[in-house]
Amino acid sequence: TQMTFGFSRDDAGKFLDAYYEKKIYENDPFARLDQIGVGKLVQTAVELGKQTRPDIKLGICGEHGGDPSSIEFCQQVGLNYVSCSPFRVPIARLAAAQSALKARG
């Protein structure tokens, strides 16, 4: 997220509220994965990585790893795991299970 957008979590607090007001972002991009921008890069990396090495294990860590919508996106693009802060683990496990069930149809 930081490298894609060119701003850090530390700096973003100074201007993110204005971005929310102008509808540039709906959510904190450091807490919920931006699926259109960063997500497209993640999807491309997963596709290319699995073409090169089909058995590769890929995952995501940090705040995104504990956000239910980010977890669902990660499951959809083929990531194998998420990693998050201990206090987010129950939510992450529930979100991962719900996403897996949803994917089954």
Protein backbone atom coordinates (compact mmCIF):
# COMPACT_ATOMS: atom_id res chain seq x y z
CA THR A 1 0.00 0.00 0.00
CA GLN A 2 2.71 2.43 1.02
CA MET A 3 4.82 1.81 -2.07
CA THR A 4 1.83 1.85 -4.43
CA PHE A 5 0.39 5.14 -3.20
CA GLY A 6 3.65 6.84 -2.32
CA PHE A 7 2.72 7.86 1.22
CA SER A 8 3.31 6.25 4.58
CA ARG A 9 0.93 5.39 7.38
CA ASP A 10 2.75 7.99 9.49
CA ASP A 11 2.15 10.79 6.97
CA ALA A 12 -1.33 9.76 5.85
CA GLY A 13 -3.02 10.97 9.03
CA LYS A 14 -2.33 14.51 7.90
CA PHE A 15 -4.48 14.28 4.76
CA LEU A 16 -6.61 11.12 4.72
CA ASP A 17 -9.64 12.89 6.20
CA ALA A 18 -9.63 15.28 3.24
CA TYR A 19 -9.37 12.29 0.90
CA TYR A 20 -12.41 10.70 2.56
CA GLU A 21 -14.39 13.92 2.20
CA LYS A 22 -13.51 14.13 -1.50
CA LYS A 23 -14.33 10.43 -1.96
CA ILE A 24 -10.79 9.62 -3.08
CA TYR A 25 -10.81 6.82 -0.50
CA GLU A 26 -13.77 5.34 1.32
CA ASN A 27 -11.65 3.53 3.92
CA ASP A 28 -8.21 3.72 5.46
CA PRO A 29 -6.02 2.08 2.78
CA PHE A 30 -3.68 0.82 5.51
CA ALA A 31 -6.51 -1.03 7.27
CA ARG A 32 -8.62 -2.25 4.32
CA LEU A 33 -6.92 -3.40 1.14
CA ASP A 34 -7.57 -1.14 -1.85
CA GLN A 35 -8.78 -3.84 -4.21
CA ILE A 36 -8.71 -1.74 -7.37
CA GLY A 37 -5.13 -0.45 -7.13
CA VAL A 38 -3.08 -2.48 -4.67
CA GLY A 39 -5.37 -5.46 -5.14
CA LYS A 40 -4.73 -5.55 -8.87
CA LEU A 41 -1.00 -5.67 -8.17
CA VAL A 42 -1.53 -8.48 -5.66
CA GLN A 43 -3.66 -10.41 -8.16
CA THR A 44 -1.05 -10.00 -10.89
CA ALA A 45 1.72 -11.15 -8.53
CA VAL A 46 -0.29 -14.23 -7.53
CA GLU A 47 -1.06 -15.15 -11.14
CA LEU A 48 2.52 -14.70 -12.34
CA GLY A 49 4.00 -16.37 -9.28
CA LYS A 50 1.80 -19.44 -9.67
CA GLN A 51 2.58 -19.66 -13.38
CA THR A 52 6.26 -19.83 -12.53
CA ARG A 53 5.91 -22.04 -9.46
CA PRO A 54 2.45 -23.63 -9.05
CA ASP A 55 3.19 -24.88 -5.52
CA ILE A 56 4.24 -21.46 -4.18
CA LYS A 57 2.62 -20.42 -0.90
CA LEU A 58 1.58 -16.77 -0.85
CA GLY A 59 0.06 -14.66 1.89
CA ILE A 60 -0.43 -11.22 3.30
CA CYS A 61 0.40 -9.80 6.71
CA GLY A 62 -0.33 -6.73 8.76
CA GLU A 63 -3.58 -4.86 9.28
CA HIS A 64 -4.99 -6.14 5.99
CA GLY A 65 -4.62 -9.69 7.29
CA GLY A 66 -7.23 -8.96 9.95
CA ASP A 67 -9.79 -7.11 7.84
CA PRO A 68 -12.74 -9.27 6.68
CA SER A 69 -13.14 -7.68 3.24
CA SER A 70 -9.39 -7.87 2.64
CA ILE A 71 -9.39 -11.52 3.71
CA GLU A 72 -12.19 -12.32 1.27
CA PHE A 73 -10.29 -10.60 -1.53
CA CYS A 74 -7.13 -12.54 -0.66
CA GLN A 75 -9.05 -15.81 -0.85
CA GLN A 76 -10.56 -14.83 -4.21
CA VAL A 77 -7.19 -14.08 -5.81
CA GLY A 78 -5.61 -17.28 -4.50
CA LEU A 79 -3.53 -16.32 -1.49
CA ASN A 80 -2.91 -19.23 0.87
CA TYR A 81 -2.83 -17.44 4.20
CA VAL A 82 -3.15 -14.18 6.09
CA SER A 83 -1.20 -13.10 9.15
CA CYS A 84 -2.38 -10.47 11.61
CA SER A 85 -2.06 -9.15 15.15
CA PRO A 86 -3.10 -11.65 17.84
CA PHE A 87 -6.17 -9.64 18.84
CA ARG A 88 -7.45 -9.83 15.23
CA VAL A 89 -7.07 -13.61 14.91
CA PRO A 90 -10.67 -14.53 15.92
CA ILE A 91 -12.11 -12.09 13.37
CA ALA A 92 -9.63 -13.22 10.72
CA ARG A 93 -10.48 -16.90 11.25
CA LEU A 94 -14.19 -16.22 11.04
CA ALA A 95 -13.77 -14.10 7.90
CA ALA A 96 -11.58 -16.76 6.27
CA ALA A 97 -14.13 -19.48 7.03
CA GLN A 98 -17.00 -17.37 5.71
CA SER A 99 -15.05 -16.57 2.57
CA ALA A 100 -14.22 -20.23 1.96
CA LEU A 101 -17.87 -21.22 2.38
CA LYS A 102 -18.99 -18.42 0.08
CA ALA A 103 -16.49 -19.57 -2.57
CA ARG A 104 -17.95 -23.08 -2.47
CA GLY A 105 -21.29 -21.65 -3.48
